[in-house]
Protein backbone atom coordinates (compact mmCIF):
# COMPACT_ATOMS: atom_id res chain seq x y z
CA MET A 1 38.58 -311.64 -52.05
CA PRO A 2 36.13 -308.62 -52.00
CA PRO A 3 37.73 -305.29 -51.15
CA SER A 4 35.51 -304.97 -48.05
CA GLU A 5 37.10 -308.15 -46.39
CA LYS A 6 40.55 -306.92 -45.24
CA ARG A 7 43.09 -309.62 -43.90
CA PRO A 8 45.77 -308.72 -41.47
CA ARG A 9 49.08 -307.93 -42.76
CA GLY A 10 52.69 -307.60 -41.33
CA PHE A 11 52.75 -307.58 -37.57
CA ALA A 12 49.01 -308.28 -37.17
CA ALA A 13 49.26 -311.30 -39.27
CA MET A 14 52.01 -312.87 -37.27
CA ASP A 15 51.72 -315.77 -34.85
CA PRO A 16 50.82 -314.20 -31.34
CA GLN A 17 53.91 -315.78 -29.79
CA LYS A 18 56.09 -314.32 -32.41
CA GLN A 19 54.54 -310.98 -31.81
CA ARG A 20 55.26 -311.32 -28.14
CA ALA A 21 58.86 -312.21 -28.65
CA ILE A 22 59.34 -309.17 -30.98
CA SER A 23 57.64 -306.80 -28.64
CA SER A 24 59.54 -308.21 -25.59
CA ARG A 25 62.97 -307.60 -27.42
CA GLY A 26 61.78 -304.12 -28.24
CA GLY A 27 60.76 -303.50 -24.67
CA ARG A 28 64.08 -304.63 -23.25
CA ALA A 29 66.14 -302.45 -25.85
CA ALA A 30 64.13 -299.47 -24.96
CA HIS A 31 64.85 -299.97 -21.18
CA GLN A 32 68.64 -300.66 -21.91
CA SER A 33 68.88 -297.64 -24.14
CA GLY A 34 67.01 -295.30 -21.62
CA ASN A 35 64.30 -294.46 -23.91
CA ALA A 36 61.43 -296.40 -22.13
CA HIS A 37 59.28 -294.29 -19.79
CA GLU A 38 58.74 -295.53 -16.22
CA PHE A 39 55.82 -293.92 -14.38
CA THR A 40 56.35 -292.60 -10.99
CA SER A 41 53.55 -293.20 -8.42
CA ASP A 42 52.33 -289.62 -8.88
CA GLU A 43 52.23 -289.82 -12.52
CA ALA A 44 50.55 -293.19 -12.44
CA ARG A 45 47.99 -291.76 -9.89
CA ALA A 46 47.25 -288.71 -12.06
CA ALA A 47 46.79 -290.82 -15.14
CA GLY A 48 44.32 -293.08 -13.39
CA ALA A 49 42.40 -290.06 -12.05
CA LEU A 50 42.18 -288.73 -15.53
CA SER A 51 40.94 -291.92 -16.99
CA HIS A 52 38.36 -292.41 -14.35
CA ALA A 53 37.18 -288.70 -15.04
CA ARG A 54 36.97 -289.39 -18.71
CA ARG A 55 34.91 -292.52 -18.10
CA ARG A 56 32.49 -290.77 -15.79
CA GLU A 57 32.03 -288.01 -18.49
CA GLN A 58 31.19 -290.69 -21.14
CA GLY A 59 28.69 -292.48 -18.78
CA GLN A 60 30.94 -295.50 -18.20
CA ARG A 61 31.77 -297.16 -15.01
CA PRO A 62 35.37 -296.73 -13.88
CA ALA A 63 37.16 -299.98 -13.64
CA SER A 64 37.42 -301.39 -10.11
CA SER A 65 39.92 -303.75 -10.03
CA GLY A 66 43.16 -305.00 -8.24
CA ALA A 67 46.65 -303.79 -9.29
CA ASP A 68 46.77 -306.49 -11.96
CA GLY A 69 43.31 -305.89 -13.22
CA THR A 70 41.89 -309.24 -12.30
CA LEU A 71 38.69 -308.16 -10.78
CA GLU A 72 37.87 -306.14 -13.96
CA ARG A 73 38.61 -309.22 -16.23
CA GLN A 74 36.51 -311.60 -13.86
CA GLU A 75 33.65 -309.28 -14.06
CA ARG A 76 33.87 -308.89 -18.03
CA THR A 77 33.98 -312.54 -18.52
CA GLN A 78 31.10 -313.22 -16.14
CA GLY A 79 28.96 -310.58 -17.67
CA HIS A 80 28.56 -308.40 -14.61
């Protein structure tokens, strides 16, 4: 294989379902140990505002979506 063609290794090379299972266990462990960060409404609002401001600076349209991102995904898949 030529050096320019890199194949995924480690976690990236795993089956997506295996990746999901490992990630899920890690998330649960972080919450149980108290290490997982949970955003407050104010923190989430501030992060969203910052993200929208950065997108405006870069000339990108801020994502308009429902809480679960469905509208944005629909627009992307329909090419709007």
